[in-house]
Amino acid sequence: MTARNPIPLILTAIGSIAGTVAVLGFYGYLHFAKPEDALLLAEFTMLKTVPGEDYRVSLKPADQVAQCIDGVLVLFDLQQKGLSGVLVDDSKRAVRCNPS
């Protein structure tokens, strides 16, 4: 039994992976997130509701609308079409919701 040289197999595997990544990047299927991609859409504050106490909110609606998608609260901006994002807390944890 003769021993096979593993170097061509290793080079083929590395070349295949590099070629796949290059093709996916060329056609736009890869996106490497940068810190400037995480823009702050708006500041939000939670108003705690206490039984028996009144709280006041503005009659003018916010420029964002929220929707529950796959159990995560996603915000869509009404001023800048196409701008959307996931609502997160200070620790970058996604705010969950119950899909209706």
PDB file of N, CA and C in Angstrom:
ATOM      1  N   MET A   1       0.842  -1.156   0.000  1.00  0.00           N
ATOM      2  CA  MET A   1       0.000   0.000   0.000  1.00  0.00           C
ATOM      3  C   MET A   1       0.901   1.237   0.000  1.00  0.00           C
ATOM      4  N   THR A   2       0.610   2.139  -0.892  1.00  0.00           N
ATOM      5  CA  THR A   2       1.431   3.346  -0.993  1.00  0.00           C
ATOM      6  C   THR A   2       0.794   4.479  -0.198  1.00  0.00           C
ATOM      7  N   ALA A   3       1.630   5.323   0.353  1.00  0.00           N
ATOM      8  CA  ALA A   3       1.149   6.473   1.139  1.00  0.00           C
ATOM      9  C   ALA A   3       0.863   7.633   0.192  1.00  0.00           C
ATOM     10  N   ARG A   4      -0.261   8.306   0.419  1.00  0.00           N
ATOM     11  CA  ARG A   4      -0.627   9.465  -0.398  1.00  0.00           C
ATOM     12  C   ARG A   4      -0.036  10.732   0.217  1.00  0.00           C
ATOM     13  N   ASN A   5       0.258  11.669  -0.655  1.00  0.00           N
ATOM     14  CA  ASN A   5       0.777  12.952  -0.213  1.00  0.00           C
ATOM     15  C   ASN A   5      -0.419  13.846   0.175  1.00  0.00           C
ATOM     16  N   PRO A   6      -0.546  14.279   1.439  1.00  0.00           N
ATOM     17  CA  PRO A   6      -1.712  15.056   1.863  1.00  0.00           C
ATOM     18  C   PRO A   6      -1.649  16.547   1.472  1.00  0.00           C
ATOM     19  N   ILE A   7      -0.520  17.000   1.019  1.00  0.00           N
ATOM     20  CA  ILE A   7      -0.367  18.434   0.711  1.00  0.00           C
ATOM     21  C   ILE A   7      -1.321  18.886  -0.399  1.00  0.00           C
ATOM     22  N   PRO A   8      -1.476  18.173  -1.506  1.00  0.00           N
ATOM     23  CA  PRO A   8      -2.444  18.624  -2.519  1.00  0.00           C
ATOM     24  C   PRO A   8      -3.886  18.662  -2.004  1.00  0.00           C
ATOM     25  N   LEU A   9      -4.265  17.718  -1.145  1.00  0.00           N
ATOM     26  CA  LEU A   9      -5.608  17.738  -0.571  1.00  0.00           C
ATOM     27  C   LEU A   9      -5.803  18.952   0.335  1.00  0.00           C
ATOM     28  N   ILE A  10      -4.825  19.277   1.146  1.00  0.00           N
ATOM     29  CA  ILE A  10      -4.911  20.431   2.041  1.00  0.00           C
ATOM     30  C   ILE A  10      -4.974  21.719   1.229  1.00  0.00           C
ATOM     31  N   LEU A  11      -4.147  21.840   0.203  1.00  0.00           N
ATOM     32  CA  LEU A  11      -4.154  23.040  -0.645  1.00  0.00           C
ATOM     33  C   LEU A  11      -5.472  23.171  -1.407  1.00  0.00           C
ATOM     34  N   THR A  12      -6.031  22.061  -1.834  1.00  0.00           N
ATOM     35  CA  THR A  12      -7.332  22.091  -2.517  1.00  0.00           C
ATOM     36  C   THR A  12      -8.429  22.559  -1.565  1.00  0.00           C
ATOM     37  N   ALA A  13      -8.421  22.077  -0.332  1.00  0.00           N
ATOM     38  CA  ALA A  13      -9.419  22.492   0.652  1.00  0.00           C
ATOM     39  C   ALA A  13      -9.301  23.981   0.961  1.00  0.00           C
ATOM     40  N   ILE A  14      -8.095  24.461   1.166  1.00  0.00           N
ATOM     41  CA  ILE A  14      -7.884  25.887   1.450  1.00  0.00           C
ATOM     42  C   ILE A  14      -8.284  26.737   0.251  1.00  0.00           C
ATOM     43  N   GLY A  15      -7.934  26.301  -0.941  1.00  0.00           N
ATOM     44  CA  GLY A  15      -8.315  27.030  -2.152  1.00  0.00           C
ATOM     45  C   GLY A  15      -9.823  27.054  -2.358  1.00  0.00           C
ATOM     46  N   SER A  16     -10.486  25.948  -2.053  1.00  0.00           N
ATOM     47  CA  SER A  16     -11.943  25.894  -2.187  1.00  0.00           C
ATOM     48  C   SER A  16     -12.627  26.856  -1.219  1.00  0.00           C
ATOM     49  N   ILE A  17     -12.156  26.886   0.006  1.00  0.00           N
ATOM     50  CA  ILE A  17     -12.732  27.792   0.997  1.00  0.00           C
ATOM     51  C   ILE A  17     -12.481  29.247   0.595  1.00  0.00           C
ATOM     52  N   ALA A  18     -11.263  29.565   0.189  1.00  0.00           N
ATOM     53  CA  ALA A  18     -10.945  30.938  -0.222  1.00  0.00           C
ATOM     54  C   ALA A  18     -11.761  31.343  -1.447  1.00  0.00           C
ATOM     55  N   GLY A  19     -11.924  30.441  -2.397  1.00  0.00           N
ATOM     56  CA  GLY A  19     -12.719  30.737  -3.585  1.00  0.00           C
ATOM     57  C   GLY A  19     -14.180  30.957  -3.248  1.00  0.00           C
ATOM     58  N   THR A  20     -14.720  30.145  -2.345  1.00  0.00           N
ATOM     59  CA  THR A  20     -16.118  30.299  -1.929  1.00  0.00           C
ATOM     60  C   THR A  20     -16.334  31.640  -1.240  1.00  0.00           C
ATOM     61  N   VAL A  21     -15.441  32.008  -0.340  1.00  0.00           N
ATOM     62  CA  VAL A  21     -15.558  33.295   0.351  1.00  0.00           C
ATOM     63  C   VAL A  21     -15.443  34.444  -0.643  1.00  0.00           C
ATOM     64  N   ALA A  22     -14.528  34.339  -1.604  1.00  0.00           N
ATOM     65  CA  ALA A  22     -14.363  35.395  -2.598  1.00  0.00           C
ATOM     66  C   ALA A  22     -15.624  35.557  -3.458  1.00  0.00           C
ATOM     67  N   VAL A  23     -16.219  34.473  -3.891  1.00  0.00           N
ATOM     68  CA  VAL A  23     -17.428  34.537  -4.718  1.00  0.00           C
ATOM     69  C   VAL A  23     -18.601  35.091  -3.912  1.00  0.00           C
ATOM     70  N   LEU A  24     -18.761  34.641  -2.669  1.00  0.00           N
ATOM     71  CA  LEU A  24     -19.837  35.165  -1.819  1.00  0.00           C
ATOM     72  C   LEU A  24     -19.652  36.654  -1.548  1.00  0.00           C
ATOM     73  N   GLY A  25     -18.431  37.084  -1.342  1.00  0.00           N
ATOM     74  CA  GLY A  25     -18.161  38.509  -1.139  1.00  0.00           C
ATOM     75  C   GLY A  25     -18.408  39.315  -2.398  1.00  0.00           C
ATOM     76  N   PHE A  26     -18.053  38.782  -3.542  1.00  0.00           N
ATOM     77  CA  PHE A  26     -18.244  39.489  -4.815  1.00  0.00           C
ATOM     78  C   PHE A  26     -19.731  39.731  -5.096  1.00  0.00           C
ATOM     79  N   TYR A  27     -20.572  38.747  -4.807  1.00  0.00           N
ATOM     80  CA  TYR A  27     -22.003  38.869  -5.075  1.00  0.00           C
ATOM     81  C   TYR A  27     -22.780  39.520  -3.922  1.00  0.00           C
ATOM     82  N   GLY A  28     -22.086  39.944  -2.882  1.00  0.00           N
ATOM     83  CA  GLY A  28     -22.720  40.692  -1.802  1.00  0.00           C
ATOM     84  C   GLY A  28     -23.409  39.865  -0.747  1.00  0.00           C
ATOM     85  N   TYR A  29     -23.094  38.588  -0.658  1.00  0.00           N
ATOM     86  CA  TYR A  29     -23.721  37.745   0.357  1.00  0.00           C
ATOM     87  C   TYR A  29     -22.999  37.812   1.699  1.00  0.00           C
ATOM     88  N   LEU A  30     -21.824  38.412   1.750  1.00  0.00           N
ATOM     89  CA  LEU A  30     -21.086  38.569   2.998  1.00  0.00           C
ATOM     90  C   LEU A  30     -21.114  40.026   3.415  1.00  0.00           C
ATOM     91  N   HIS A  31     -21.335  40.258   4.693  1.00  0.00           N
ATOM     92  CA  HIS A  31     -21.286  41.613   5.222  1.00  0.00           C
ATOM     93  C   HIS A  31     -20.559  41.570   6.554  1.00  0.00           C
ATOM     94  N   PHE A  32     -19.478  42.304   6.651  1.00  0.00           N
ATOM     95  CA  PHE A  32     -18.728  42.382   7.888  1.00  0.00           C
ATOM     96  C   PHE A  32     -19.148  43.662   8.597  1.00  0.00           C
ATOM     97  N   ALA A  33     -19.796  43.518   9.747  1.00  0.00           N
ATOM     98  CA  ALA A  33     -20.317  44.671  10.479  1.00  0.00           C
ATOM     99  C   ALA A  33     -19.178  45.512  11.038  1.00  0.00           C
ATOM    100  N   LYS A  34     -19.343  46.820  10.928  1.00  0.00           N
ATOM    101  CA  LYS A  34     -18.384  47.779  11.462  1.00  0.00           C
ATOM    102  C   LYS A  34     -19.069  48.540  12.597  1.00  0.00           C
ATOM    103  N   PRO A  35     -18.304  49.143  13.484  1.00  0.00           N
ATOM    104  CA  PRO A  35     -18.932  49.889  14.587  1.00  0.00           C
ATOM    105  C   PRO A  35     -19.866  50.997  14.106  1.00  0.00           C
ATOM    106  N   GLU A  36     -19.570  51.622  12.980  1.00  0.00           N
ATOM    107  CA  GLU A  36     -20.447  52.693  12.487  1.00  0.00           C
ATOM    108  C   GLU A  36     -21.759  52.162  11.921  1.00  0.00           C
ATOM    109  N   ASP A  37     -21.876  50.852  11.729  1.00  0.00           N
ATOM    110  CA  ASP A  37     -23.139  50.261  11.280  1.00  0.00           C
ATOM    111  C   ASP A  37     -24.182  50.260  12.396  1.00  0.00           C
ATOM    112  N   ALA A  38     -23.741  50.304  13.646  1.00  0.00           N
ATOM    113  CA  ALA A  38     -24.654  50.289  14.783  1.00  0.00           C
ATOM    114  C   ALA A  38     -24.965  51.732  15.185  1.00  0.00           C
ATOM    115  N   LEU A  39     -25.804  52.378  14.424  1.00  0.00           N
ATOM    116  CA  LEU A  39     -26.171  53.763  14.700  1.00  0.00           C
ATOM    117  C   LEU A  39     -27.259  53.818  15.755  1.00  0.00           C
ATOM    118  N   LEU A  40     -27.203  54.849  16.571  1.00  0.00           N
ATOM    119  CA  LEU A  40     -28.241  55.058  17.560  1.00  0.00           C
ATOM    120  C   LEU A  40     -29.415  55.707  16.864  1.00  0.00           C
ATOM    121  N   LEU A  41     -30.512  54.990  16.785  1.00  0.00           N
ATOM    122  CA  LEU A  41     -31.688  55.492  16.085  1.00  0.00           C
ATOM    123  C   LEU A  41     -32.378  56.575  16.897  1.00  0.00           C
ATOM    124  N   ALA A  42     -32.605  56.346  18.166  1.00  0.00           N
ATOM    125  CA  ALA A  42     -33.253  57.329  19.031  1.00  0.00           C
ATOM    126  C   ALA A  42     -33.077  56.885  20.477  1.00  0.00           C
ATOM    127  N   GLU A  43     -33.295  57.817  21.390  1.00  0.00           N
ATOM    128  CA  GLU A  43     -33.250  57.514  22.818  1.00  0.00           C
ATOM    129  C   GLU A  43     -34.640  57.096  23.278  1.00  0.00           C
ATOM    130  N   PHE A  44     -34.708  56.078  24.112  1.00  0.00           N
ATOM    131  CA  PHE A  44     -35.983  55.603  24.616  1.00  0.00           C
ATOM    132  C   PHE A  44     -35.927  55.502  26.129  1.00  0.00           C
ATOM    133  N   THR A  45     -37.066  55.746  26.762  1.00  0.00           N
ATOM    134  CA  THR A  45     -37.205  55.620  28.206  1.00  0.00           C
ATOM    135  C   THR A  45     -38.470  54.819  28.484  1.00  0.00           C
ATOM    136  N   MET A  46     -38.374  53.915  29.440  1.00  0.00           N
ATOM    137  CA  MET A  46     -39.550  53.140  29.801  1.00  0.00           C
ATOM    138  C   MET A  46     -40.270  53.845  30.953  1.00  0.00           C
ATOM    139  N   LEU A  47     -41.564  54.043  30.779  1.00  0.00           N
ATOM    140  CA  LEU A  47     -42.390  54.618  31.840  1.00  0.00           C
ATOM    141  C   LEU A  47     -42.995  53.472  32.628  1.00  0.00           C
ATOM    142  N   LYS A  48     -42.685  53.441  33.914  1.00  0.00           N
ATOM    143  CA  LYS A  48     -43.213  52.382  34.761  1.00  0.00           C
ATOM    144  C   LYS A  48     -44.654  52.719  35.137  1.00  0.00           C
ATOM    145  N   THR A  49     -45.536  51.761  34.935  1.00  0.00           N
ATOM    146  CA  THR A  49     -46.940  51.976  35.279  1.00  0.00           C
ATOM    147  C   THR A  49     -47.183  51.436  36.679  1.00  0.00           C
ATOM    148  N   VAL A  50     -47.736  52.305  37.506  1.00  0.00           N
ATOM    149  CA  VAL A  50     -48.049  51.945  38.883  1.00  0.00           C
ATOM    150  C   VAL A  50     -49.568  51.998  39.029  1.00  0.00           C
ATOM    151  N   PRO A  51     -50.182  50.956  39.557  1.00  0.00           N
ATOM    152  CA  PRO A  51     -51.637  50.970  39.702  1.00  0.00           C
ATOM    153  C   PRO A  51     -52.101  52.162  40.549  1.00  0.00           C
ATOM    154  N   GLY A  52     -53.097  52.869  40.034  1.00  0.00           N
ATOM    155  CA  GLY A  52     -53.658  54.008  40.741  1.00  0.00           C
ATOM    156  C   GLY A  52     -52.990  55.336  40.439  1.00  0.00           C
ATOM    157  N   GLU A  53     -51.865  55.329  39.734  1.00  0.00           N
ATOM    158  CA  GLU A  53     -51.176  56.567  39.393  1.00  0.00           C
ATOM    159  C   GLU A  53     -51.326  56.847  37.911  1.00  0.00           C
ATOM    160  N   ASP A  54     -51.494  58.126  37.586  1.00  0.00           N
ATOM    161  CA  ASP A  54     -51.601  58.544  36.194  1.00  0.00           C
ATOM    162  C   ASP A  54     -50.217  58.853  35.642  1.00  0.00           C
ATOM    163  N   TYR A  55     -50.070  58.649  34.384  1.00  0.00           N
ATOM    164  CA  TYR A  55     -48.846  59.080  33.708  1.00  0.00           C
ATOM    165  C   TYR A  55     -49.248  59.744  32.407  1.00  0.00           C
ATOM    166  N   ARG A  56     -48.416  60.647  31.944  1.00  0.00           N
ATOM    167  CA  ARG A  56     -48.746  61.421  30.752  1.00  0.00           C
ATOM    168  C   ARG A  56     -47.748  61.109  29.639  1.00  0.00           C
ATOM    169  N   VAL A  57     -48.292  61.001  28.446  1.00  0.00           N
ATOM    170  CA  VAL A  57     -47.457  60.844  27.255  1.00  0.00           C
ATOM    171  C   VAL A  57     -47.947  61.842  26.222  1.00  0.00           C
ATOM    172  N   SER A  58     -47.093  62.155  25.284  1.00  0.00           N
ATOM    173  CA  SER A  58     -47.423  63.103  24.229  1.00  0.00           C
ATOM    174  C   SER A  58     -48.446  62.505  23.278  1.00  0.00           C
ATOM    175  N   LEU A  59     -49.311  63.340  22.750  1.00  0.00           N
ATOM    176  CA  LEU A  59     -50.282  62.881  21.763  1.00  0.00           C
ATOM    177  C   LEU A  59     -49.631  62.678  20.394  1.00  0.00           C
ATOM    178  N   LYS A  60     -48.503  63.358  20.166  1.00  0.00           N
ATOM    179  CA  LYS A  60     -47.783  63.211  18.900  1.00  0.00           C
ATOM    180  C   LYS A  60     -47.031  61.880  18.913  1.00  0.00           C
ATOM    181  N   PRO A  61     -47.246  61.040  17.903  1.00  0.00           N
ATOM    182  CA  PRO A  61     -46.567  59.735  17.892  1.00  0.00           C
ATOM    183  C   PRO A  61     -45.077  59.874  17.573  1.00  0.00           C
ATOM    184  N   ALA A  62     -44.307  58.869  17.967  1.00  0.00           N
ATOM    185  CA  ALA A  62     -42.876  58.845  17.684  1.00  0.00           C
ATOM    186  C   ALA A  62     -42.624  58.611  16.196  1.00  0.00           C
ATOM    187  N   ASP A  63     -41.396  58.869  15.776  1.00  0.00           N
ATOM    188  CA  ASP A  63     -41.015  58.677  14.377  1.00  0.00           C
ATOM    189  C   ASP A  63     -40.663  57.225  14.066  1.00  0.00           C
ATOM    190  N   GLN A  64     -40.837  56.350  15.060  1.00  0.00           N
ATOM    191  CA  GLN A  64     -40.537  54.943  14.860  1.00  0.00           C
ATOM    192  C   GLN A  64     -41.789  54.115  15.144  1.00  0.00           C
ATOM    193  N   VAL A  65     -41.864  52.972  14.488  1.00  0.00           N
ATOM    194  CA  VAL A  65     -42.936  52.020  14.747  1.00  0.00           C
ATOM    195  C   VAL A  65     -42.268  50.668  15.037  1.00  0.00           C
ATOM    196  N   ALA A  66     -42.812  49.934  16.010  1.00  0.00           N
ATOM    197  CA  ALA A  66     -42.220  48.663  16.422  1.00  0.00           C
ATOM    198  C   ALA A  66     -43.066  47.501  15.921  1.00  0.00           C
ATOM    199  N   GLN A  67     -42.371  46.407  15.652  1.00  0.00           N
ATOM    200  CA  GLN A  67     -43.055  45.192  15.219  1.00  0.00           C
ATOM    201  C   GLN A  67     -42.333  44.000  15.827  1.00  0.00           C
ATOM    202  N   CYS A  68     -43.100  42.997  16.229  1.00  0.00           N
ATOM    203  CA  CYS A  68     -42.526  41.792  16.807  1.00  0.00           C
ATOM    204  C   CYS A  68     -42.216  40.809  15.673  1.00  0.00           C
ATOM    205  N   ILE A  69     -40.936  40.537  15.472  1.00  0.00           N
ATOM    206  CA  ILE A  69     -40.507  39.619  14.420  1.00  0.00           C
ATOM    207  C   ILE A  69     -39.643  38.540  15.065  1.00  0.00           C
ATOM    208  N   ASP A  70     -40.087  37.306  14.976  1.00  0.00           N
ATOM    209  CA  ASP A  70     -39.372  36.153  15.548  1.00  0.00           C
ATOM    210  C   ASP A  70     -39.059  36.350  17.025  1.00  0.00           C
ATOM    211  N   GLY A  71     -39.966  36.979  17.768  1.00  0.00           N
ATOM    212  CA  GLY A  71     -39.778  37.152  19.197  1.00  0.00           C
ATOM    213  C   GLY A  71     -38.846  38.279  19.591  1.00  0.00           C
ATOM    214  N   VAL A  72     -38.438  39.121  18.646  1.00  0.00           N
ATOM    215  CA  VAL A  72     -37.547  40.249  18.914  1.00  0.00           C
ATOM    216  C   VAL A  72     -38.245  41.526  18.461  1.00  0.00           C
ATOM    217  N   LEU A  73     -38.147  42.584  19.247  1.00  0.00           N
ATOM    218  CA  LEU A  73     -38.783  43.851  18.921  1.00  0.00           C
ATOM    219  C   LEU A  73     -37.920  44.621  17.926  1.00  0.00           C
ATOM    220  N   VAL A  74     -38.446  44.831  16.725  1.00  0.00           N
ATOM    221  CA  VAL A  74     -37.725  45.510  15.651  1.00  0.00           C
ATOM    222  C   VAL A  74     -38.370  46.871  15.427  1.00  0.00           C
ATOM    223  N   LEU A  75     -37.541  47.911  15.353  1.00  0.00           N
ATOM    224  CA  LEU A  75     -38.023  49.274  15.115  1.00  0.00           C
ATOM    225  C   LEU A  75     -37.809  49.653  13.660  1.00  0.00           C
ATOM    226  N   PHE A  76     -38.810  50.297  13.087  1.00  0.00           N
ATOM    227  CA  PHE A  76     -38.720  50.826  11.729  1.00  0.00           C
ATOM    228  C   PHE A  76     -38.878  52.340  11.812  1.00  0.00           C
ATOM    229  N   ASP A  77     -37.962  53.080  11.200  1.00  0.00           N
ATOM    230  CA  ASP A  77     -38.013  54.539  11.212  1.00  0.00           C
ATOM    231  C   ASP A  77     -38.936  55.019  10.103  1.00  0.00           C
ATOM    232  N   LEU A  78     -39.855  55.925  10.441  1.00  0.00           N
ATOM    233  CA  LEU A  78     -40.804  56.438   9.463  1.00  0.00           C
ATOM    234  C   LEU A  78     -40.234  57.605   8.665  1.00  0.00           C
ATOM    235  N   GLN A  79     -39.206  58.273   9.182  1.00  0.00           N
ATOM    236  CA  GLN A  79     -38.608  59.414   8.491  1.00  0.00           C
ATOM    237  C   GLN A  79     -37.618  58.964   7.425  1.00  0.00           C
ATOM    238  N   GLN A  80     -36.792  58.001   7.760  1.00  0.00           N
ATOM    239  CA  GLN A  80     -35.783  57.493   6.829  1.00  0.00           C
ATOM    240  C   GLN A  80     -36.210  56.098   6.397  1.00  0.00           C
ATOM    241  N   LYS A  81     -36.803  56.003   5.242  1.00  0.00           N
ATOM    242  CA  LYS A  81     -37.317  54.719   4.753  1.00  0.00           C
ATOM    243  C   LYS A  81     -36.173  53.713   4.620  1.00  0.00           C
ATOM    244  N   GLY A  82     -36.431  52.503   5.023  1.00  0.00           N
ATOM    245  CA  GLY A  82     -35.430  51.442   4.920  1.00  0.00           C
ATOM    246  C   GLY A  82     -34.546  51.331   6.144  1.00  0.00           C
ATOM    247  N   LEU A  83     -34.611  52.309   7.059  1.00  0.00           N
ATOM    248  CA  LEU A  83     -33.793  52.244   8.266  1.00  0.00           C
ATOM    249  C   LEU A  83     -34.556  51.472   9.326  1.00  0.00           C
ATOM    250  N   SER A  84     -33.996  50.376   9.773  1.00  0.00           N
ATOM    251  CA  SER A  84     -34.630  49.566  10.803  1.00  0.00           C
ATOM    252  C   SER A  84     -33.551  49.002  11.698  1.00  0.00           C
ATOM    253  N   GLY A  85     -33.954  48.536  12.858  1.00  0.00           N
ATOM    254  CA  GLY A  85     -32.995  47.965  13.787  1.00  0.00           C
ATOM    255  C   GLY A  85     -33.693  47.234  14.909  1.00  0.00           C
ATOM    256  N   VAL A  86     -32.913  46.518  15.672  1.00  0.00           N
ATOM    257  CA  VAL A  86     -33.417  45.751  16.806  1.00  0.00           C
ATOM    258  C   VAL A  86     -33.269  46.610  18.053  1.00  0.00           C
ATOM    259  N   LEU A  87     -34.306  46.672  18.864  1.00  0.00           N
ATOM    260  CA  LEU A  87     -34.256  47.428  20.106  1.00  0.00           C
ATOM    261  C   LEU A  87     -33.459  46.639  21.130  1.00  0.00           C
ATOM    262  N   VAL A  88     -32.402  47.266  21.685  1.00  0.00           N
ATOM    263  CA  VAL A  88     -31.523  46.613  22.657  1.00  0.00           C
ATOM    264  C   VAL A  88     -31.418  47.481  23.905  1.00  0.00           C
ATOM    265  N   ASP A  89     -30.990  46.860  25.005  1.00  0.00           N
ATOM    266  CA  ASP A  89     -30.755  47.616  26.230  1.00  0.00           C
ATOM    267  C   ASP A  89     -29.302  48.072  26.277  1.00  0.00           C
ATOM    268  N   ASP A  90     -28.874  48.619  27.432  1.00  0.00           N
ATOM    269  CA  ASP A  90     -27.506  49.137  27.558  1.00  0.00           C
ATOM    270  C   ASP A  90     -26.450  48.052  27.391  1.00  0.00           C
ATOM    271  N   SER A  91     -26.808  46.803  27.666  1.00  0.00           N
ATOM    272  CA  SER A  91     -25.860  45.689  27.540  1.00  0.00           C
ATOM    273  C   SER A  91     -25.938  45.017  26.179  1.00  0.00           C
ATOM    274  N   LYS A  92     -26.595  45.646  25.222  1.00  0.00           N
ATOM    275  CA  LYS A  92     -26.749  45.127  23.854  1.00  0.00           C
ATOM    276  C   LYS A  92     -27.534  43.827  23.801  1.00  0.00           C
ATOM    277  N   ARG A  93     -28.457  43.642  24.759  1.00  0.00           N
ATOM    278  CA  ARG A  93     -29.337  42.478  24.754  1.00  0.00           C
ATOM    279  C   ARG A  93     -30.638  42.879  24.075  1.00  0.00           C
ATOM    280  N   ALA A  94     -31.112  42.051  23.158  1.00  0.00           N
ATOM    281  CA  ALA A  94     -32.325  42.360  22.406  1.00  0.00           C
ATOM    282  C   ALA A  94     -33.546  42.321  23.306  1.00  0.00           C
ATOM    283  N   VAL A  95     -34.450  43.271  23.091  1.00  0.00           N
ATOM    284  CA  VAL A  95     -35.714  43.316  23.815  1.00  0.00           C
ATOM    285  C   VAL A  95     -36.639  42.289  23.170  1.00  0.00           C
ATOM    286  N   ARG A  96     -37.126  41.366  23.961  1.00  0.00           N
ATOM    287  CA  ARG A  96     -37.992  40.296  23.467  1.00  0.00           C
ATOM    288  C   ARG A  96     -39.449  40.733  23.500  1.00  0.00           C
ATOM    289  N   CYS A  97     -40.269  40.070  22.692  1.00  0.00           N
ATOM    290  CA  CYS A  97     -41.697  40.330  22.667  1.00  0.00           C
ATOM    291  C   CYS A  97     -42.436  39.027  22.417  1.00  0.00           C
ATOM    292  N   ASN A  98     -43.724  39.037  22.715  1.00  0.00           N
ATOM    293  CA  ASN A  98     -44.566  37.865  22.476  1.00  0.00           C
ATOM    294  C   ASN A  98     -45.299  38.053  21.162  1.00  0.00           C
ATOM    295  N   PRO A  99     -44.993  37.235  20.155  1.00  0.00           N
ATOM    296  CA  PRO A  99     -45.714  37.375  18.882  1.00  0.00           C
ATOM    297  C   PRO A  99     -47.192  37.072  19.057  1.00  0.00           C
ATOM    298  N   SER A 100     -48.020  37.898  18.482  1.00  0.00           N
ATOM    299  CA  SER A 100     -49.479  37.727  18.634  1.00  0.00           C
ATOM    300  C   SER A 100     -50.026  36.855  17.541  1.00  0.00           C
TER     301      SER A 100
END
